[in-house]
Amino acid sequence: RREIGMSQRRVVLTNECSAGELVKIASEAENHWVCRKFVGKVGTLRTKDEYAGWWVEFPGHKLTLFHTGDKGVFQLEYASQDDVARAGELEQRMQRLDAAAAGRR
């Protein structure tokens, strides 16, 4: 696992991770058009892609392919326990808002 920057965050590398590990969007990829909708969420590595990186499952989304070091592009980093807790709280709030909106119809 590669550590980058002052915060010692850990980017996901194609050949140094395993299916089932929890990940989030890397800070340098947060504004990328594919990555924006996943910011603040925690996903699960599912399948290694032969050419590009890893397929990741984020709650409420289809499997999506992310770069994990090929050509120097790192779109994922490992999620911390705090990231997992924040993402769970956000998901619960969204579910409550959806339920409240459905009740008003």
PDB file of N, CA and C in Angstrom:
ATOM      1  N   ARG A   1       0.843  -1.176   0.000  1.00  0.00           N
ATOM      2  CA  ARG A   1       0.000   0.000   0.000  1.00  0.00           C
ATOM      3  C   ARG A   1       0.882   1.231   0.000  1.00  0.00           C
ATOM      4  N   ARG A   2       0.517   2.171  -0.806  1.00  0.00           N
ATOM      5  CA  ARG A   2       1.331   3.367  -0.970  1.00  0.00           C
ATOM      6  C   ARG A   2       0.765   4.494  -0.129  1.00  0.00           C
ATOM      7  N   GLU A   3       1.621   5.160   0.604  1.00  0.00           N
ATOM      8  CA  GLU A   3       1.193   6.295   1.417  1.00  0.00           C
ATOM      9  C   GLU A   3       1.656   7.566   0.734  1.00  0.00           C
ATOM     10  N   ILE A   4       0.743   8.522   0.602  1.00  0.00           N
ATOM     11  CA  ILE A   4       1.044   9.769  -0.095  1.00  0.00           C
ATOM     12  C   ILE A   4       0.647  10.937   0.789  1.00  0.00           C
ATOM     13  N   GLY A   5       1.459  11.980   0.768  1.00  0.00           N
ATOM     14  CA  GLY A   5       1.064  13.235   1.404  1.00  0.00           C
ATOM     15  C   GLY A   5       1.283  13.262   2.898  1.00  0.00           C
ATOM     16  N   MET A   6       1.042  14.428   3.456  1.00  0.00           N
ATOM     17  CA  MET A   6       1.273  14.663   4.869  1.00  0.00           C
ATOM     18  C   MET A   6       0.343  13.844   5.755  1.00  0.00           C
ATOM     19  N   SER A   7      -0.846  13.577   5.296  1.00  0.00           N
ATOM     20  CA  SER A   7      -1.823  12.872   6.126  1.00  0.00           C
ATOM     21  C   SER A   7      -1.591  11.360   6.139  1.00  0.00           C
ATOM     22  N   GLN A   8      -0.631  10.896   5.359  1.00  0.00           N
ATOM     23  CA  GLN A   8      -0.327   9.468   5.286  1.00  0.00           C
ATOM     24  C   GLN A   8      -1.539   8.649   4.834  1.00  0.00           C
ATOM     25  N   ARG A   9      -2.357   9.216   3.963  1.00  0.00           N
ATOM     26  CA  ARG A   9      -3.491   8.457   3.453  1.00  0.00           C
ATOM     27  C   ARG A   9      -2.975   7.371   2.530  1.00  0.00           C
ATOM     28  N   ARG A  10      -3.761   6.350   2.359  1.00  0.00           N
ATOM     29  CA  ARG A  10      -3.316   5.189   1.603  1.00  0.00           C
ATOM     30  C   ARG A  10      -4.129   5.022   0.335  1.00  0.00           C
ATOM     31  N   VAL A  11      -3.478   5.187  -0.811  1.00  0.00           N
ATOM     32  CA  VAL A  11      -4.166   4.984  -2.083  1.00  0.00           C
ATOM     33  C   VAL A  11      -4.241   3.492  -2.377  1.00  0.00           C
ATOM     34  N   VAL A  12      -5.258   3.117  -3.126  1.00  0.00           N
ATOM     35  CA  VAL A  12      -5.464   1.724  -3.507  1.00  0.00           C
ATOM     36  C   VAL A  12      -4.630   1.432  -4.752  1.00  0.00           C
ATOM     37  N   LEU A  13      -3.795   0.416  -4.675  1.00  0.00           N
ATOM     38  CA  LEU A  13      -2.973  -0.015  -5.804  1.00  0.00           C
ATOM     39  C   LEU A  13      -3.516  -1.328  -6.361  1.00  0.00           C
ATOM     40  N   THR A  14      -3.584  -1.426  -7.663  1.00  0.00           N
ATOM     41  CA  THR A  14      -4.210  -2.560  -8.349  1.00  0.00           C
ATOM     42  C   THR A  14      -3.803  -3.913  -7.794  1.00  0.00           C
ATOM     43  N   ASN A  15      -2.520  -4.137  -7.643  1.00  0.00           N
ATOM     44  CA  ASN A  15      -2.038  -5.465  -7.267  1.00  0.00           C
ATOM     45  C   ASN A  15      -1.756  -5.626  -5.784  1.00  0.00           C
ATOM     46  N   GLU A  16      -2.150  -4.649  -4.975  1.00  0.00           N
ATOM     47  CA  GLU A  16      -1.874  -4.724  -3.537  1.00  0.00           C
ATOM     48  C   GLU A  16      -3.139  -4.636  -2.690  1.00  0.00           C
ATOM     49  N   CYS A  17      -4.266  -5.019  -3.261  1.00  0.00           N
ATOM     50  CA  CYS A  17      -5.526  -4.963  -2.514  1.00  0.00           C
ATOM     51  C   CYS A  17      -6.336  -6.213  -2.814  1.00  0.00           C
ATOM     52  N   SER A  18      -7.442  -6.358  -2.090  1.00  0.00           N
ATOM     53  CA  SER A  18      -8.270  -7.559  -2.226  1.00  0.00           C
ATOM     54  C   SER A  18      -9.740  -7.195  -2.301  1.00  0.00           C
ATOM     55  N   ALA A  19     -10.504  -8.027  -2.958  1.00  0.00           N
ATOM     56  CA  ALA A  19     -11.953  -7.842  -3.004  1.00  0.00           C
ATOM     57  C   ALA A  19     -12.487  -7.794  -1.576  1.00  0.00           C
ATOM     58  N   GLY A  20     -13.464  -6.933  -1.353  1.00  0.00           N
ATOM     59  CA  GLY A  20     -14.079  -6.805  -0.042  1.00  0.00           C
ATOM     60  C   GLY A  20     -13.539  -5.646   0.781  1.00  0.00           C
ATOM     61  N   GLU A  21     -12.412  -5.066   0.380  1.00  0.00           N
ATOM     62  CA  GLU A  21     -11.861  -3.943   1.143  1.00  0.00           C
ATOM     63  C   GLU A  21     -12.710  -2.696   0.916  1.00  0.00           C
ATOM     64  N   LEU A  22     -12.806  -1.855   1.952  1.00  0.00           N
ATOM     65  CA  LEU A  22     -13.613  -0.644   1.905  1.00  0.00           C
ATOM     66  C   LEU A  22     -12.774   0.532   1.416  1.00  0.00           C
ATOM     67  N   VAL A  23     -13.344   1.282   0.477  1.00  0.00           N
ATOM     68  CA  VAL A  23     -12.613   2.376  -0.167  1.00  0.00           C
ATOM     69  C   VAL A  23     -13.494   3.618  -0.279  1.00  0.00           C
ATOM     70  N   LYS A  24     -12.840   4.736  -0.595  1.00  0.00           N
ATOM     71  CA  LYS A  24     -13.539   5.989  -0.880  1.00  0.00           C
ATOM     72  C   LYS A  24     -12.808   6.656  -2.034  1.00  0.00           C
ATOM     73  N   ILE A  25     -13.388   7.721  -2.555  1.00  0.00           N
ATOM     74  CA  ILE A  25     -12.757   8.454  -3.643  1.00  0.00           C
ATOM     75  C   ILE A  25     -11.562   9.229  -3.085  1.00  0.00           C
ATOM     76  N   ALA A  26     -10.429   9.138  -3.761  1.00  0.00           N
ATOM     77  CA  ALA A  26      -9.229   9.870  -3.361  1.00  0.00           C
ATOM     78  C   ALA A  26      -9.464  11.368  -3.545  1.00  0.00           C
ATOM     79  N   SER A  27      -8.881  12.169  -2.669  1.00  0.00           N
ATOM     80  CA  SER A  27      -9.114  13.618  -2.701  1.00  0.00           C
ATOM     81  C   SER A  27      -8.777  14.232  -4.053  1.00  0.00           C
ATOM     82  N   GLU A  28      -7.715  13.767  -4.717  1.00  0.00           N
ATOM     83  CA  GLU A  28      -7.358  14.364  -6.009  1.00  0.00           C
ATOM     84  C   GLU A  28      -8.315  13.981  -7.124  1.00  0.00           C
ATOM     85  N   ALA A  29      -9.203  13.023  -6.887  1.00  0.00           N
ATOM     86  CA  ALA A  29     -10.159  12.590  -7.917  1.00  0.00           C
ATOM     87  C   ALA A  29     -11.570  13.101  -7.654  1.00  0.00           C
ATOM     88  N   GLU A  30     -11.790  13.824  -6.564  1.00  0.00           N
ATOM     89  CA  GLU A  30     -13.145  14.234  -6.179  1.00  0.00           C
ATOM     90  C   GLU A  30     -13.864  15.077  -7.223  1.00  0.00           C
ATOM     91  N   ASN A  31     -13.147  15.817  -8.054  1.00  0.00           N
ATOM     92  CA  ASN A  31     -13.789  16.660  -9.064  1.00  0.00           C
ATOM     93  C   ASN A  31     -13.874  16.007 -10.435  1.00  0.00           C
ATOM     94  N   HIS A  32     -13.364  14.783 -10.556  1.00  0.00           N
ATOM     95  CA  HIS A  32     -13.458  14.066 -11.828  1.00  0.00           C
ATOM     96  C   HIS A  32     -14.919  13.728 -12.097  1.00  0.00           C
ATOM     97  N   TRP A  33     -15.363  13.845 -13.340  1.00  0.00           N
ATOM     98  CA  TRP A  33     -16.786  13.689 -13.671  1.00  0.00           C
ATOM     99  C   TRP A  33     -17.343  12.329 -13.270  1.00  0.00           C
ATOM    100  N   VAL A  34     -16.538  11.271 -13.314  1.00  0.00           N
ATOM    101  CA  VAL A  34     -17.027   9.950 -12.917  1.00  0.00           C
ATOM    102  C   VAL A  34     -17.101   9.838 -11.393  1.00  0.00           C
ATOM    103  N   CYS A  35     -16.162  10.455 -10.706  1.00  0.00           N
ATOM    104  CA  CYS A  35     -16.009  10.271  -9.257  1.00  0.00           C
ATOM    105  C   CYS A  35     -16.926  11.149  -8.409  1.00  0.00           C
ATOM    106  N   ARG A  36     -17.334  12.310  -8.920  1.00  0.00           N
ATOM    107  CA  ARG A  36     -18.087  13.289  -8.118  1.00  0.00           C
ATOM    108  C   ARG A  36     -19.263  12.703  -7.349  1.00  0.00           C
ATOM    109  N   LYS A  37     -20.048  11.839  -7.987  1.00  0.00           N
ATOM    110  CA  LYS A  37     -21.256  11.324  -7.338  1.00  0.00           C
ATOM    111  C   LYS A  37     -20.971  10.339  -6.204  1.00  0.00           C
ATOM    112  N   PHE A  38     -19.718   9.915  -6.066  1.00  0.00           N
ATOM    113  CA  PHE A  38     -19.346   8.959  -5.025  1.00  0.00           C
ATOM    114  C   PHE A  38     -18.633   9.606  -3.835  1.00  0.00           C
ATOM    115  N   VAL A  39     -18.362  10.900  -3.921  1.00  0.00           N
ATOM    116  CA  VAL A  39     -17.645  11.592  -2.845  1.00  0.00           C
ATOM    117  C   VAL A  39     -18.483  11.531  -1.564  1.00  0.00           C
ATOM    118  N   GLY A  40     -17.838  11.170  -0.467  1.00  0.00           N
ATOM    119  CA  GLY A  40     -18.515  11.047   0.824  1.00  0.00           C
ATOM    120  C   GLY A  40     -19.102   9.675   1.088  1.00  0.00           C
ATOM    121  N   LYS A  41     -19.036   8.803   0.088  1.00  0.00           N
ATOM    122  CA  LYS A  41     -19.569   7.447   0.246  1.00  0.00           C
ATOM    123  C   LYS A  41     -18.423   6.457   0.419  1.00  0.00           C
ATOM    124  N   VAL A  42     -18.735   5.316   0.980  1.00  0.00           N
ATOM    125  CA  VAL A  42     -17.759   4.244   1.131  1.00  0.00           C
ATOM    126  C   VAL A  42     -18.213   3.080   0.254  1.00  0.00           C
ATOM    127  N   GLY A  43     -17.302   2.605  -0.571  1.00  0.00           N
ATOM    128  CA  GLY A  43     -17.605   1.499  -1.464  1.00  0.00           C
ATOM    129  C   GLY A  43     -16.802   0.265  -1.114  1.00  0.00           C
ATOM    130  N   THR A  44     -17.091  -0.815  -1.822  1.00  0.00           N
ATOM    131  CA  THR A  44     -16.428  -2.092  -1.594  1.00  0.00           C
ATOM    132  C   THR A  44     -15.766  -2.554  -2.880  1.00  0.00           C
ATOM    133  N   LEU A  45     -14.475  -2.884  -2.795  1.00  0.00           N
ATOM    134  CA  LEU A  45     -13.789  -3.454  -3.955  1.00  0.00           C
ATOM    135  C   LEU A  45     -14.440  -4.788  -4.286  1.00  0.00           C
ATOM    136  N   ARG A  46     -14.788  -4.981  -5.559  1.00  0.00           N
ATOM    137  CA  ARG A  46     -15.459  -6.219  -5.955  1.00  0.00           C
ATOM    138  C   ARG A  46     -14.607  -7.086  -6.873  1.00  0.00           C
ATOM    139  N   THR A  47     -14.156  -6.537  -8.004  1.00  0.00           N
ATOM    140  CA  THR A  47     -13.451  -7.340  -8.989  1.00  0.00           C
ATOM    141  C   THR A  47     -12.312  -6.545  -9.601  1.00  0.00           C
ATOM    142  N   LYS A  48     -11.166  -7.182  -9.689  1.00  0.00           N
ATOM    143  CA  LYS A  48     -10.017  -6.552 -10.338  1.00  0.00           C
ATOM    144  C   LYS A  48     -10.219  -6.614 -11.848  1.00  0.00           C
ATOM    145  N   ASP A  49      -9.993  -5.483 -12.511  1.00  0.00           N
ATOM    146  CA  ASP A  49     -10.099  -5.427 -13.965  1.00  0.00           C
ATOM    147  C   ASP A  49      -8.738  -5.771 -14.565  1.00  0.00           C
ATOM    148  N   GLU A  50      -8.756  -6.498 -15.642  1.00  0.00           N
ATOM    149  CA  GLU A  50      -7.517  -6.952 -16.255  1.00  0.00           C
ATOM    150  C   GLU A  50      -6.642  -5.798 -16.751  1.00  0.00           C
ATOM    151  N   TYR A  51      -7.256  -4.665 -17.097  1.00  0.00           N
ATOM    152  CA  TYR A  51      -6.508  -3.585 -17.729  1.00  0.00           C
ATOM    153  C   TYR A  51      -6.475  -2.265 -16.959  1.00  0.00           C
ATOM    154  N   ALA A  52      -7.527  -1.941 -16.217  1.00  0.00           N
ATOM    155  CA  ALA A  52      -7.636  -0.568 -15.736  1.00  0.00           C
ATOM    156  C   ALA A  52      -7.547  -0.378 -14.229  1.00  0.00           C
ATOM    157  N   GLY A  53      -8.011  -1.284 -13.434  1.00  0.00           N
ATOM    158  CA  GLY A  53      -8.034  -1.070 -11.994  1.00  0.00           C
ATOM    159  C   GLY A  53      -9.008  -2.006 -11.308  1.00  0.00           C
ATOM    160  N   TRP A  54      -9.949  -1.427 -10.557  1.00  0.00           N
ATOM    161  CA  TRP A  54     -10.920  -2.231  -9.798  1.00  0.00           C
ATOM    162  C   TRP A  54     -12.344  -1.764 -10.036  1.00  0.00           C
ATOM    163  N   TRP A  55     -13.267  -2.731 -10.051  1.00  0.00           N
ATOM    164  CA  TRP A  55     -14.699  -2.456 -10.060  1.00  0.00           C
ATOM    165  C   TRP A  55     -15.124  -2.320  -8.604  1.00  0.00           C
ATOM    166  N   VAL A  56     -15.844  -1.239  -8.312  1.00  0.00           N
ATOM    167  CA  VAL A  56     -16.241  -0.928  -6.945  1.00  0.00           C
ATOM    168  C   VAL A  56     -17.748  -0.787  -6.873  1.00  0.00           C
ATOM    169  N   GLU A  57     -18.322  -1.295  -5.784  1.00  0.00           N
ATOM    170  CA  GLU A  57     -19.753  -1.160  -5.535  1.00  0.00           C
ATOM    171  C   GLU A  57     -19.958  -0.116  -4.437  1.00  0.00           C
ATOM    172  N   PHE A  58     -20.629   0.979  -4.814  1.00  0.00           N
ATOM    173  CA  PHE A  58     -21.034   1.995  -3.854  1.00  0.00           C
ATOM    174  C   PHE A  58     -22.532   1.845  -3.629  1.00  0.00           C
ATOM    175  N   PRO A  59     -23.011   2.067  -2.398  1.00  0.00           N
ATOM    176  CA  PRO A  59     -24.447   1.923  -2.117  1.00  0.00           C
ATOM    177  C   PRO A  59     -25.287   2.770  -3.086  1.00  0.00           C
ATOM    178  N   GLY A  60     -26.296   2.120  -3.665  1.00  0.00           N
ATOM    179  CA  GLY A  60     -27.208   2.822  -4.558  1.00  0.00           C
ATOM    180  C   GLY A  60     -26.702   3.021  -5.970  1.00  0.00           C
ATOM    181  N   HIS A  61     -25.561   2.429  -6.321  1.00  0.00           N
ATOM    182  CA  HIS A  61     -24.977   2.603  -7.656  1.00  0.00           C
ATOM    183  C   HIS A  61     -24.578   1.251  -8.239  1.00  0.00           C
ATOM    184  N   LYS A  62     -24.516   1.206  -9.566  1.00  0.00           N
ATOM    185  CA  LYS A  62     -24.014   0.018 -10.255  1.00  0.00           C
ATOM    186  C   LYS A  62     -22.506  -0.085 -10.016  1.00  0.00           C
ATOM    187  N   LEU A  63     -21.955  -1.266 -10.277  1.00  0.00           N
ATOM    188  CA  LEU A  63     -20.503  -1.415 -10.226  1.00  0.00           C
ATOM    189  C   LEU A  63     -19.868  -0.396 -11.163  1.00  0.00           C
ATOM    190  N   THR A  64     -18.812   0.242 -10.698  1.00  0.00           N
ATOM    191  CA  THR A  64     -18.129   1.266 -11.476  1.00  0.00           C
ATOM    192  C   THR A  64     -16.636   0.981 -11.454  1.00  0.00           C
ATOM    193  N   LEU A  65     -15.986   1.181 -12.588  1.00  0.00           N
ATOM    194  CA  LEU A  65     -14.559   0.929 -12.713  1.00  0.00           C
ATOM    195  C   LEU A  65     -13.764   2.179 -12.336  1.00  0.00           C
ATOM    196  N   PHE A  66     -12.742   2.002 -11.493  1.00  0.00           N
ATOM    197  CA  PHE A  66     -11.876   3.102 -11.064  1.00  0.00           C
ATOM    198  C   PHE A  66     -10.423   2.733 -11.318  1.00  0.00           C
ATOM    199  N   HIS A  67      -9.617   3.757 -11.617  1.00  0.00           N
ATOM    200  CA  HIS A  67      -8.181   3.575 -11.819  1.00  0.00           C
ATOM    201  C   HIS A  67      -7.486   3.437 -10.472  1.00  0.00           C
ATOM    202  N   THR A  68      -6.574   2.493 -10.398  1.00  0.00           N
ATOM    203  CA  THR A  68      -5.858   2.232  -9.146  1.00  0.00           C
ATOM    204  C   THR A  68      -4.356   2.131  -9.404  1.00  0.00           C
ATOM    205  N   GLY A  69      -3.825   3.125 -10.104  1.00  0.00           N
ATOM    206  CA  GLY A  69      -2.389   3.208 -10.308  1.00  0.00           C
ATOM    207  C   GLY A  69      -1.913   3.081 -11.735  1.00  0.00           C
ATOM    208  N   ASP A  70      -2.727   2.523 -12.603  1.00  0.00           N
ATOM    209  CA  ASP A  70      -2.308   2.415 -13.993  1.00  0.00           C
ATOM    210  C   ASP A  70      -2.119   3.815 -14.559  1.00  0.00           C
ATOM    211  N   LYS A  71      -1.007   4.021 -15.243  1.00  0.00           N
ATOM    212  CA  LYS A  71      -0.675   5.321 -15.845  1.00  0.00           C
ATOM    213  C   LYS A  71      -0.598   6.425 -14.796  1.00  0.00           C
ATOM    214  N   GLY A  72      -0.333   6.066 -13.552  1.00  0.00           N
ATOM    215  CA  GLY A  72      -0.168   7.069 -12.500  1.00  0.00           C
ATOM    216  C   GLY A  72      -1.446   7.701 -11.997  1.00  0.00           C
ATOM    217  N   VAL A  73      -2.601   7.109 -12.314  1.00  0.00           N
ATOM    218  CA  VAL A  73      -3.893   7.654 -11.882  1.00  0.00           C
ATOM    219  C   VAL A  73      -4.397   6.859 -10.681  1.00  0.00           C
ATOM    220  N   PHE A  74      -4.660   7.574  -9.586  1.00  0.00           N
ATOM    221  CA  PHE A  74      -5.149   6.957  -8.356  1.00  0.00           C
ATOM    222  C   PHE A  74      -6.486   7.596  -7.991  1.00  0.00           C
ATOM    223  N   GLN A  75      -7.589   6.886  -8.217  1.00  0.00           N
ATOM    224  CA  GLN A  75      -8.910   7.443  -7.927  1.00  0.00           C
ATOM    225  C   GLN A  75      -9.476   6.972  -6.595  1.00  0.00           C
ATOM    226  N   LEU A  76      -8.845   6.005  -5.956  1.00  0.00           N
ATOM    227  CA  LEU A  76      -9.373   5.440  -4.714  1.00  0.00           C
ATOM    228  C   LEU A  76      -8.336   5.463  -3.603  1.00  0.00           C
ATOM    229  N   GLU A  77      -8.837   5.584  -2.384  1.00  0.00           N
ATOM    230  CA  GLU A  77      -7.991   5.377  -1.213  1.00  0.00           C
ATOM    231  C   GLU A  77      -8.798   4.559  -0.218  1.00  0.00           C
ATOM    232  N   TYR A  78      -8.102   3.954   0.729  1.00  0.00           N
ATOM    233  CA  TYR A  78      -8.770   3.115   1.717  1.00  0.00           C
ATOM    234  C   TYR A  78      -9.610   3.979   2.649  1.00  0.00           C
ATOM    235  N   ALA A  79     -10.800   3.507   2.975  1.00  0.00           N
ATOM    236  CA  ALA A  79     -11.694   4.217   3.895  1.00  0.00           C
ATOM    237  C   ALA A  79     -11.270   3.931   5.337  1.00  0.00           C
ATOM    238  N   SER A  80     -11.272   4.977   6.145  1.00  0.00           N
ATOM    239  CA  SER A  80     -10.976   4.816   7.569  1.00  0.00           C
ATOM    240  C   SER A  80     -12.267   4.461   8.308  1.00  0.00           C
ATOM    241  N   GLN A  81     -12.143   4.113   9.581  1.00  0.00           N
ATOM    242  CA  GLN A  81     -13.339   3.843  10.389  1.00  0.00           C
ATOM    243  C   GLN A  81     -14.219   5.092  10.466  1.00  0.00           C
ATOM    244  N   ASP A  82     -13.603   6.264  10.541  1.00  0.00           N
ATOM    245  CA  ASP A  82     -14.378   7.517  10.555  1.00  0.00           C
ATOM    246  C   ASP A  82     -15.141   7.709   9.252  1.00  0.00           C
ATOM    247  N   ASP A  83     -14.498   7.388   8.118  1.00  0.00           N
ATOM    248  CA  ASP A  83     -15.177   7.492   6.820  1.00  0.00           C
ATOM    249  C   ASP A  83     -16.395   6.587   6.774  1.00  0.00           C
ATOM    250  N   VAL A  84     -16.239   5.368   7.278  1.00  0.00           N
ATOM    251  CA  VAL A  84     -17.336   4.393   7.284  1.00  0.00           C
ATOM    252  C   VAL A  84     -18.484   4.907   8.154  1.00  0.00           C
ATOM    253  N   ALA A  85     -18.161   5.444   9.324  1.00  0.00           N
ATOM    254  CA  ALA A  85     -19.194   5.970  10.227  1.00  0.00           C
ATOM    255  C   ALA A  85     -19.919   7.151   9.590  1.00  0.00           C
ATOM    256  N   ARG A  86     -19.168   8.090   8.995  1.00  0.00           N
ATOM    257  CA  ARG A  86     -19.788   9.262   8.344  1.00  0.00           C
ATOM    258  C   ARG A  86     -20.679   8.837   7.185  1.00  0.00           C
ATOM    259  N   ALA A  87     -20.207   7.902   6.379  1.00  0.00           N
ATOM    260  CA  ALA A  87     -20.993   7.437   5.233  1.00  0.00           C
ATOM    261  C   ALA A  87     -22.277   6.762   5.701  1.00  0.00           C
ATOM    262  N   GLY A  88     -22.207   5.994   6.786  1.00  0.00           N
ATOM    263  CA  GLY A  88     -23.405   5.342   7.329  1.00  0.00           C
ATOM    264  C   GLY A  88     -24.413   6.350   7.839  1.00  0.00           C
ATOM    265  N   GLU A  89     -23.932   7.395   8.510  1.00  0.00           N
ATOM    266  CA  GLU A  89     -24.829   8.447   8.996  1.00  0.00           C
ATOM    267  C   GLU A  89     -25.490   9.176   7.829  1.00  0.00           C
ATOM    268  N   LEU A  90     -24.724   9.468   6.793  1.00  0.00           N
ATOM    269  CA  LEU A  90     -25.266  10.141   5.616  1.00  0.00           C
ATOM    270  C   LEU A  90     -26.329   9.279   4.946  1.00  0.00           C
ATOM    271  N   GLU A  91     -26.068   7.997   4.811  1.00  0.00           N
ATOM    272  CA  GLU A  91     -27.021   7.073   4.192  1.00  0.00           C
ATOM    273  C   GLU A  91     -28.321   7.007   4.993  1.00  0.00           C
ATOM    274  N   GLN A  92     -28.221   6.976   6.316  1.00  0.00           N
ATOM    275  CA  GLN A  92     -29.419   6.951   7.169  1.00  0.00           C
ATOM    276  C   GLN A  92     -30.234   8.234   7.007  1.00  0.00           C
ATOM    277  N   ARG A  93     -29.556   9.374   6.946  1.00  0.00           N
ATOM    278  CA  ARG A  93     -30.270  10.651   6.749  1.00  0.00           C
ATOM    279  C   ARG A  93     -30.997  10.669   5.415  1.00  0.00           C
ATOM    280  N   MET A  94     -30.339  10.164   4.372  1.00  0.00           N
ATOM    281  CA  MET A  94     -30.959  10.139   3.047  1.00  0.00           C
ATOM    282  C   MET A  94     -32.186   9.223   3.040  1.00  0.00           C
ATOM    283  N   GLN A  95     -32.100   8.100   3.720  1.00  0.00           N
ATOM    284  CA  GLN A  95     -33.244   7.190   3.791  1.00  0.00           C
ATOM    285  C   GLN A  95     -34.409   7.836   4.532  1.00  0.00           C
ATOM    286  N   ARG A  96     -34.130   8.575   5.622  1.00  0.00           N
ATOM    287  CA  ARG A  96     -35.199   9.257   6.351  1.00  0.00           C
ATOM    288  C   ARG A  96     -35.851  10.330   5.491  1.00  0.00           C
ATOM    289  N   LEU A  97     -35.047  11.082   4.726  1.00  0.00           N
ATOM    290  CA  LEU A  97     -35.594  12.107   3.836  1.00  0.00           C
ATOM    291  C   LEU A  97     -36.458  11.470   2.750  1.00  0.00           C
ATOM    292  N   ASP A  98     -35.997  10.356   2.192  1.00  0.00           N
ATOM    293  CA  ASP A  98     -36.779   9.651   1.163  1.00  0.00           C
ATOM    294  C   ASP A  98     -38.102   9.162   1.733  1.00  0.00           C
ATOM    295  N   ALA A  99     -38.074   8.612   2.949  1.00  0.00           N
ATOM    296  CA  ALA A  99     -39.298   8.117   3.589  1.00  0.00           C
ATOM    297  C   ALA A  99     -40.264   9.262   3.877  1.00  0.00           C
ATOM    298  N   ALA A 100     -39.727  10.390   4.320  1.00  0.00           N
ATOM    299  CA  ALA A 100     -40.579  11.553   4.610  1.00  0.00           C
ATOM    300  C   ALA A 100     -41.194  12.087   3.320  1.00  0.00           C
ATOM    301  N   ALA A 101     -40.433  12.133   2.260  1.00  0.00           N
ATOM    302  CA  ALA A 101     -40.951  12.615   0.969  1.00  0.00           C
ATOM    303  C   ALA A 101     -42.030  11.671   0.444  1.00  0.00           C
ATOM    304  N   ALA A 102     -41.815  10.376   0.597  1.00  0.00           N
ATOM    305  CA  ALA A 102     -42.805   9.393   0.136  1.00  0.00           C
ATOM    306  C   ALA A 102     -44.094   9.518   0.935  1.00  0.00           C
ATOM    307  N   GLY A 103     -43.995   9.855   2.216  1.00  0.00           N
ATOM    308  CA  GLY A 103     -45.169  10.007   3.071  1.00  0.00           C
ATOM    309  C   GLY A 103     -45.999  11.232   2.723  1.00  0.00           C
ATOM    310  N   ARG A 104     -45.395  12.215   2.075  1.00  0.00           N
ATOM    311  CA  ARG A 104     -46.109  13.440   1.687  1.00  0.00           C
ATOM    312  C   ARG A 104     -46.834  13.304   0.374  1.00  0.00           C
ATOM    313  N   ARG A 105     -46.612  12.210  -0.328  1.00  0.00           N
ATOM    314  CA  ARG A 105     -47.243  12.043  -1.651  1.00  0.00           C
ATOM    315  C   ARG A 105     -48.646  11.541  -1.535  1.00  0.00           C
TER     316      ARG A 105
END
